[in-house]
PDB file of all heavy atoms in Angstrom:
ATOM      1  N   ALA A   1     -18.641  17.885  18.902  1.00  0.00           N
ATOM      2  CA  ALA A   1     -17.321  18.179  18.326  1.00  0.00           C
ATOM      3  C   ALA A   1     -16.257  17.464  19.071  1.00  0.00           C
ATOM      4  O   ALA A   1     -16.288  17.385  20.277  1.00  0.00           O
ATOM      5  CB  ALA A   1     -17.003  19.629  18.137  1.00  0.00           C
ATOM      6  N   CYS A   2     -15.231  16.997  18.331  1.00  0.00           N
ATOM      7  CA  CYS A   2     -14.120  16.407  18.951  1.00  0.00           C
ATOM      8  C   CYS A   2     -12.996  17.485  18.936  1.00  0.00           C
ATOM      9  O   CYS A   2     -12.499  17.768  17.810  1.00  0.00           O
ATOM     10  CB  CYS A   2     -13.574  15.202  18.231  1.00  0.00           C
ATOM     11  SG  CYS A   2     -14.624  13.834  18.295  1.00  0.00           S
ATOM     12  N   VAL A   3     -12.873  18.221  20.057  1.00  0.00           N
ATOM     13  CA  VAL A   3     -11.945  19.328  20.010  1.00  0.00           C
ATOM     14  C   VAL A   3     -10.731  19.191  20.991  1.00  0.00           C
ATOM     15  O   VAL A   3     -11.057  18.702  22.198  1.00  0.00           O
ATOM     16  CB  VAL A   3     -12.790  20.614  20.424  1.00  0.00           C
ATOM     17  CG1 VAL A   3     -11.841  21.870  20.401  1.00  0.00           C
ATOM     18  CG2 VAL A   3     -13.931  20.792  19.455  1.00  0.00           C
ATOM     19  N   GLU A   4      -9.660  19.349  20.484  1.00  0.00           N
ATOM     20  CA  GLU A   4      -8.436  19.305  21.512  1.00  0.00           C
ATOM     21  C   GLU A   4      -7.514  20.425  21.004  1.00  0.00           C
ATOM     22  O   GLU A   4      -7.255  20.591  19.903  1.00  0.00           O
ATOM     23  CB  GLU A   4      -7.773  17.944  21.272  1.00  0.00           C
ATOM     24  CG  GLU A   4      -6.581  17.769  22.181  1.00  0.00           C
ATOM     25  CD  GLU A   4      -5.924  16.330  21.902  1.00  0.00           C
ATOM     26  OE1 GLU A   4      -6.728  15.340  21.864  1.00  0.00           O
ATOM     27  OE2 GLU A   4      -4.718  16.263  21.714  1.00  0.00           O
ATOM     28  N   PRO A   5      -7.059  21.221  22.027  1.00  0.00           N
ATOM     29  CA  PRO A   5      -6.192  22.350  21.583  1.00  0.00           C
ATOM     30  C   PRO A   5      -4.855  21.765  21.000  1.00  0.00           C
ATOM     31  O   PRO A   5      -4.331  20.804  21.468  1.00  0.00           O
ATOM     32  CB  PRO A   5      -5.894  23.072  22.962  1.00  0.00           C
ATOM     33  CG  PRO A   5      -6.482  22.220  23.991  1.00  0.00           C
ATOM     34  CD  PRO A   5      -7.395  21.198  23.380  1.00  0.00           C
ATOM     35  N   LEU A   6      -4.465  22.359  19.863  1.00  0.00           N
ATOM     36  CA  LEU A   6      -3.199  21.894  19.270  1.00  0.00           C
ATOM     37  C   LEU A   6      -2.154  22.980  19.326  1.00  0.00           C
ATOM     38  O   LEU A   6      -2.374  24.181  19.306  1.00  0.00           O
ATOM     39  CB  LEU A   6      -3.437  21.670  17.716  1.00  0.00           C
ATOM     40  CG  LEU A   6      -4.517  20.569  17.369  1.00  0.00           C
ATOM     41  CD1 LEU A   6      -4.653  20.558  15.948  1.00  0.00           C
ATOM     42  CD2 LEU A   6      -3.858  19.230  17.802  1.00  0.00           C
ATOM     43  N   SER A   7      -0.950  22.458  19.618  1.00  0.00           N
ATOM     44  CA  SER A   7       0.291  23.385  19.638  1.00  0.00           C
ATOM     45  C   SER A   7       0.965  23.302  18.320  1.00  0.00           C
ATOM     46  O   SER A   7       0.679  22.447  17.411  1.00  0.00           O
ATOM     47  CB  SER A   7       1.152  23.044  20.770  1.00  0.00           C
ATOM     48  OG  SER A   7       1.824  21.880  20.498  1.00  0.00           O
ATOM     49  N   ILE A   8       1.919  24.254  17.944  1.00  0.00           N
ATOM     50  CA  ILE A   8       2.671  24.065  16.780  1.00  0.00           C
ATOM     51  C   ILE A   8       3.442  22.851  16.712  1.00  0.00           C
ATOM     52  O   ILE A   8       3.477  22.208  15.684  1.00  0.00           O
ATOM     53  CB  ILE A   8       3.653  25.331  16.685  1.00  0.00           C
ATOM     54  CG1 ILE A   8       2.886  26.700  16.666  1.00  0.00           C
ATOM     55  CG2 ILE A   8       4.585  25.205  15.573  1.00  0.00           C
ATOM     56  CD1 ILE A   8       1.991  26.852  15.400  1.00  0.00           C
ATOM     57  N   ASP A   9       3.869  22.372  17.864  1.00  0.00           N
ATOM     58  CA  ASP A   9       4.695  21.075  17.883  1.00  0.00           C
ATOM     59  C   ASP A   9       3.743  19.894  17.471  1.00  0.00           C
ATOM     60  O   ASP A   9       4.152  19.066  16.631  1.00  0.00           O
ATOM     61  CB  ASP A   9       5.191  20.785  19.327  1.00  0.00           C
ATOM     62  CG  ASP A   9       6.306  21.751  19.687  1.00  0.00           C
ATOM     63  OD1 ASP A   9       6.863  22.300  18.821  1.00  0.00           O
ATOM     64  OD2 ASP A   9       6.407  22.059  20.910  1.00  0.00           O
ATOM     65  N   ASP A  10       2.534  19.891  17.895  1.00  0.00           N
ATOM     66  CA  ASP A  10       1.559  18.867  17.425  1.00  0.00           C
ATOM     67  C   ASP A  10       1.323  18.896  15.965  1.00  0.00           C
ATOM     68  O   ASP A  10       1.313  17.883  15.326  1.00  0.00           O
ATOM     69  CB  ASP A  10       0.230  19.087  18.172  1.00  0.00           C
ATOM     70  CG  ASP A  10       0.319  18.872  19.655  1.00  0.00           C
ATOM     71  OD1 ASP A  10       1.217  18.061  20.166  1.00  0.00           O
ATOM     72  OD2 ASP A  10      -0.533  19.438  20.379  1.00  0.00           O
ATOM     73  N   ILE A  11       1.152  20.050  15.483  1.00  0.00           N
ATOM     74  CA  ILE A  11       0.987  20.175  14.007  1.00  0.00           C
ATOM     75  C   ILE A  11       2.138  19.820  13.164  1.00  0.00           C
ATOM     76  O   ILE A  11       2.018  19.083  12.214  1.00  0.00           O
ATOM     77  CB  ILE A  11       0.539  21.601  13.650  1.00  0.00           C
ATOM     78  CG1 ILE A  11      -0.742  21.926  14.348  1.00  0.00           C
ATOM     79  CG2 ILE A  11       0.410  21.811  12.180  1.00  0.00           C
ATOM     80  CD1 ILE A  11      -1.270  23.412  14.302  1.00  0.00           C
ATOM     81  N   SER A  12       3.331  20.088  13.614  1.00  0.00           N
ATOM     82  CA  SER A  12       4.516  19.733  12.898  1.00  0.00           C
ATOM     83  C   SER A  12       4.846  18.258  12.904  1.00  0.00           C
ATOM     84  O   SER A  12       5.422  17.662  12.108  1.00  0.00           O
ATOM     85  CB  SER A  12       5.734  20.543  13.391  1.00  0.00           C
ATOM     86  OG  SER A  12       6.027  20.283  14.686  1.00  0.00           O
ATOM     87  N   GLU A  13       4.428  17.609  13.980  1.00  0.00           N
ATOM     88  CA  GLU A  13       4.610  16.080  14.120  1.00  0.00           C
ATOM     89  C   GLU A  13       3.530  15.278  13.253  1.00  0.00           C
ATOM     90  O   GLU A  13       3.856  14.166  12.940  1.00  0.00           O
ATOM     91  CB  GLU A  13       4.458  15.727  15.501  1.00  0.00           C
ATOM     92  CG  GLU A  13       5.487  16.110  16.451  1.00  0.00           C
ATOM     93  CD  GLU A  13       5.250  15.815  17.993  1.00  0.00           C
ATOM     94  OE1 GLU A  13       4.294  15.083  18.227  1.00  0.00           O
ATOM     95  OE2 GLU A  13       6.013  16.282  18.827  1.00  0.00           O
ATOM     96  N   THR A  14       2.451  15.969  12.801  1.00  0.00           N
ATOM     97  CA  THR A  14       1.486  15.243  12.037  1.00  0.00           C
ATOM     98  C   THR A  14       1.910  15.248  10.599  1.00  0.00           C
ATOM     99  O   THR A  14       2.202  16.248  10.069  1.00  0.00           O
ATOM    100  CB  THR A  14       0.144  15.937  12.173  1.00  0.00           C
ATOM    101  OG1 THR A  14      -0.216  16.042  13.601  1.00  0.00           O
ATOM    102  CG2 THR A  14      -0.988  15.125  11.446  1.00  0.00           C
ATOM    103  N   PRO A  15       1.988  14.088   9.972  1.00  0.00           N
ATOM    104  CA  PRO A  15       2.371  14.065   8.451  1.00  0.00           C
ATOM    105  C   PRO A  15       1.300  14.708   7.724  1.00  0.00           C
ATOM    106  O   PRO A  15       0.064  14.642   7.969  1.00  0.00           O
ATOM    107  CB  PRO A  15       2.413  12.559   8.262  1.00  0.00           C
ATOM    108  CG  PRO A  15       1.725  11.822   9.304  1.00  0.00           C
ATOM    109  CD  PRO A  15       1.704  12.738  10.479  1.00  0.00           C
ATOM    110  N   ASN A  16       1.728  15.391   6.726  1.00  0.00           N
ATOM    111  CA  ASN A  16       0.795  16.119   5.797  1.00  0.00           C
ATOM    112  C   ASN A  16       0.249  15.103   4.802  1.00  0.00           C
ATOM    113  O   ASN A  16       0.909  14.435   3.984  1.00  0.00           O
ATOM    114  CB  ASN A  16       1.520  17.259   5.113  1.00  0.00           C
ATOM    115  CG  ASN A  16       0.704  18.042   4.273  1.00  0.00           C
ATOM    116  OD1 ASN A  16      -0.413  17.657   3.921  1.00  0.00           O
ATOM    117  ND2 ASN A  16       1.153  19.191   3.928  1.00  0.00           N
ATOM    118  N   ARG A  17      -0.965  14.963   4.817  1.00  0.00           N
ATOM    119  CA  ARG A  17      -1.720  14.081   3.914  1.00  0.00           C
ATOM    120  C   ARG A  17      -1.519  14.257   2.476  1.00  0.00           C
ATOM    121  O   ARG A  17      -1.332  13.473   1.682  1.00  0.00           O
ATOM    122  CB  ARG A  17      -3.187  13.882   4.289  1.00  0.00           C
ATOM    123  CG  ARG A  17      -3.524  13.287   5.543  1.00  0.00           C
ATOM    124  CD  ARG A  17      -4.973  13.453   5.800  1.00  0.00           C
ATOM    125  NE  ARG A  17      -5.579  12.246   5.995  1.00  0.00           N
ATOM    126  CZ  ARG A  17      -6.844  12.085   6.143  1.00  0.00           C
ATOM    127  NH1 ARG A  17      -7.686  13.083   6.184  1.00  0.00           N
ATOM    128  NH2 ARG A  17      -7.362  10.867   6.385  1.00  0.00           N
ATOM    129  N   MET A  18      -1.550  15.603   2.132  1.00  0.00           N
ATOM    130  CA  MET A  18      -1.376  15.967   0.804  1.00  0.00           C
ATOM    131  C   MET A  18      -0.118  15.569   0.267  1.00  0.00           C
ATOM    132  O   MET A  18       0.068  15.208  -0.959  1.00  0.00           O
ATOM    133  CB  MET A  18      -1.628  17.504   0.635  1.00  0.00           C
ATOM    134  CG  MET A  18      -2.998  17.999   0.930  1.00  0.00           C
ATOM    135  SD  MET A  18      -4.338  17.185  -0.040  1.00  0.00           S
ATOM    136  CE  MET A  18      -4.096  17.870  -1.592  1.00  0.00           C
ATOM    137  N   ASP A  19       1.057  15.756   0.906  1.00  0.00           N
ATOM    138  CA  ASP A  19       2.297  15.350   0.561  1.00  0.00           C
ATOM    139  C   ASP A  19       2.374  13.840   0.264  1.00  0.00           C
ATOM    140  O   ASP A  19       2.948  13.386  -0.638  1.00  0.00           O
ATOM    141  CB  ASP A  19       3.409  15.700   1.599  1.00  0.00           C
ATOM    142  CG  ASP A  19       3.618  17.239   1.611  1.00  0.00           C
ATOM    143  OD1 ASP A  19       3.194  18.002   0.644  1.00  0.00           O
ATOM    144  OD2 ASP A  19       4.208  17.643   2.725  1.00  0.00           O
ATOM    145  N   ALA A  20       1.675  13.092   1.130  1.00  0.00           N
ATOM    146  CA  ALA A  20       1.829  11.586   1.012  1.00  0.00           C
ATOM    147  C   ALA A  20       1.051  11.241  -0.213  1.00  0.00           C
ATOM    148  O   ALA A  20       1.285  10.286  -0.841  1.00  0.00           O
ATOM    149  CB  ALA A  20       1.186  10.994   2.253  1.00  0.00           C
ATOM    150  N   GLU A  21      -0.094  11.839  -0.487  1.00  0.00           N
ATOM    151  CA  GLU A  21      -0.915  11.443  -1.679  1.00  0.00           C
ATOM    152  C   GLU A  21      -0.340  11.889  -3.017  1.00  0.00           C
ATOM    153  O   GLU A  21      -0.534  11.263  -4.039  1.00  0.00           O
ATOM    154  CB  GLU A  21      -2.350  12.094  -1.494  1.00  0.00           C
ATOM    155  CG  GLU A  21      -3.112  11.473  -0.383  1.00  0.00           C
ATOM    156  CD  GLU A  21      -4.460  12.286  -0.107  1.00  0.00           C
ATOM    157  OE1 GLU A  21      -4.736  13.168  -0.838  1.00  0.00           O
ATOM    158  OE2 GLU A  21      -5.168  11.884   0.757  1.00  0.00           O
ATOM    159  N   SER A  22       0.512  12.953  -2.948  1.00  0.00           N
ATOM    160  CA  SER A  22       1.061  13.464  -4.293  1.00  0.00           C
ATOM    161  C   SER A  22       2.427  12.774  -4.714  1.00  0.00           C
ATOM    162  O   SER A  22       2.800  12.961  -5.715  1.00  0.00           O
ATOM    163  CB  SER A  22       1.256  14.961  -4.131  1.00  0.00           C
ATOM    164  OG  SER A  22       2.184  15.320  -3.097  1.00  0.00           O
ATOM    165  N   ASP A  23       2.988  11.949  -3.695  1.00  0.00           N
ATOM    166  CA  ASP A  23       4.108  11.300  -4.024  1.00  0.00           C
ATOM    167  C   ASP A  23       3.900  10.202  -4.985  1.00  0.00           C
ATOM    168  O   ASP A  23       2.879   9.547  -4.871  1.00  0.00           O
ATOM    169  CB  ASP A  23       4.746  10.550  -2.710  1.00  0.00           C
ATOM    170  CG  ASP A  23       5.306  11.585  -1.762  1.00  0.00           C
ATOM    171  OD1 ASP A  23       5.575  12.777  -2.193  1.00  0.00           O
ATOM    172  OD2 ASP A  23       5.421  11.219  -0.660  1.00  0.00           O
ATOM    173  N   PRO A  24       4.805   9.950  -6.030  1.00  0.00           N
ATOM    174  CA  PRO A  24       4.574   8.905  -7.000  1.00  0.00           C
ATOM    175  C   PRO A  24       4.621   7.562  -6.287  1.00  0.00           C
ATOM    176  O   PRO A  24       5.470   7.451  -5.318  1.00  0.00           O
ATOM    177  CB  PRO A  24       5.668   9.061  -8.008  1.00  0.00           C
ATOM    178  CG  PRO A  24       6.683   9.993  -7.251  1.00  0.00           C
ATOM    179  CD  PRO A  24       5.994  10.752  -6.274  1.00  0.00           C
ATOM    180  N   PRO A  25       4.006   6.540  -6.831  1.00  0.00           N
ATOM    181  CA  PRO A  25       4.047   5.208  -6.308  1.00  0.00           C
ATOM    182  C   PRO A  25       5.443   4.710  -6.292  1.00  0.00           C
ATOM    183  O   PRO A  25       6.229   4.957  -7.227  1.00  0.00           O
ATOM    184  CB  PRO A  25       3.077   4.411  -7.114  1.00  0.00           C
ATOM    185  CG  PRO A  25       2.635   5.259  -8.237  1.00  0.00           C
ATOM    186  CD  PRO A  25       3.148   6.632  -8.014  1.00  0.00           C
ATOM    187  N   SER A  26       5.893   3.889  -5.331  1.00  0.00           N
ATOM    188  CA  SER A  26       7.234   3.303  -5.251  1.00  0.00           C
ATOM    189  C   SER A  26       7.408   2.167  -6.232  1.00  0.00           C
ATOM    190  O   SER A  26       8.466   1.839  -6.579  1.00  0.00           O
ATOM    191  CB  SER A  26       7.674   3.005  -3.885  1.00  0.00           C
ATOM    192  OG  SER A  26       6.599   2.070  -3.326  1.00  0.00           O
ATOM    193  N   GLU A  27       6.313   1.529  -6.524  1.00  0.00           N
ATOM    194  CA  GLU A  27       6.407   0.286  -7.443  1.00  0.00           C
ATOM    195  C   GLU A  27       6.193   0.783  -8.893  1.00  0.00           C
ATOM    196  O   GLU A  27       5.650   1.779  -9.137  1.00  0.00           O
ATOM    197  CB  GLU A  27       5.298  -0.671  -7.074  1.00  0.00           C
ATOM    198  CG  GLU A  27       5.514  -1.122  -5.619  1.00  0.00           C
ATOM    199  CD  GLU A  27       4.313  -2.172  -5.328  1.00  0.00           C
ATOM    200  OE1 GLU A  27       3.645  -2.654  -6.211  1.00  0.00           O
ATOM    201  OE2 GLU A  27       4.101  -2.415  -4.098  1.00  0.00           O
ATOM    202  N   ASN A  28       6.741  -0.014  -9.809  1.00  0.00           N
ATOM    203  CA  ASN A  28       6.608   0.187 -11.151  1.00  0.00           C
ATOM    204  C   ASN A  28       5.370  -0.490 -11.696  1.00  0.00           C
ATOM    205  O   ASN A  28       5.289  -1.762 -11.781  1.00  0.00           O
ATOM    206  CB  ASN A  28       7.846  -0.324 -11.916  1.00  0.00           C
ATOM    207  CG  ASN A  28       7.771   0.075 -13.457  1.00  0.00           C
ATOM    208  OD1 ASN A  28       6.755   0.746 -13.887  1.00  0.00           O
ATOM    209  ND2 ASN A  28       8.838  -0.177 -14.088  1.00  0.00           N
ATOM    210  N   TRP A  29       4.289   0.179 -11.932  1.00  0.00           N
ATOM    211  CA  TRP A  29       2.951  -0.351 -12.320  1.00  0.00           C
ATOM    212  C   TRP A  29       2.950  -0.693 -13.799  1.00  0.00           C
ATOM    213  O   TRP A  29       1.915  -1.266 -14.272  1.00  0.00           O
ATOM    214  CB  TRP A  29       1.829   0.639 -11.938  1.00  0.00           C
ATOM    215  CG  TRP A  29       1.766   0.847 -10.513  1.00  0.00           C
ATOM    216  CD1 TRP A  29       2.407   1.743  -9.800  1.00  0.00           C
ATOM    217  CD2 TRP A  29       1.149  -0.001  -9.519  1.00  0.00           C
ATOM    218  NE1 TRP A  29       1.991   1.662  -8.414  1.00  0.00           N
ATOM    219  CE2 TRP A  29       1.151   0.573  -8.287  1.00  0.00           C
ATOM    220  CE3 TRP A  29       0.314  -1.214  -9.644  1.00  0.00           C
ATOM    221  CZ2 TRP A  29       0.659   0.003  -7.222  1.00  0.00           C
ATOM    222  CZ3 TRP A  29      -0.238  -1.762  -8.562  1.00  0.00           C
ATOM    223  CH2 TRP A  29      -0.112  -1.217  -7.314  1.00  0.00           C
TER     224      TRP A  29
END
């Protein structure tokens, strides 16, 4: 396993993938 202890600061600095995936595309398709 790749295990590294995480702090609250580490978690808050990591972008949320779900938010990025749910944003509408910036270009007009």
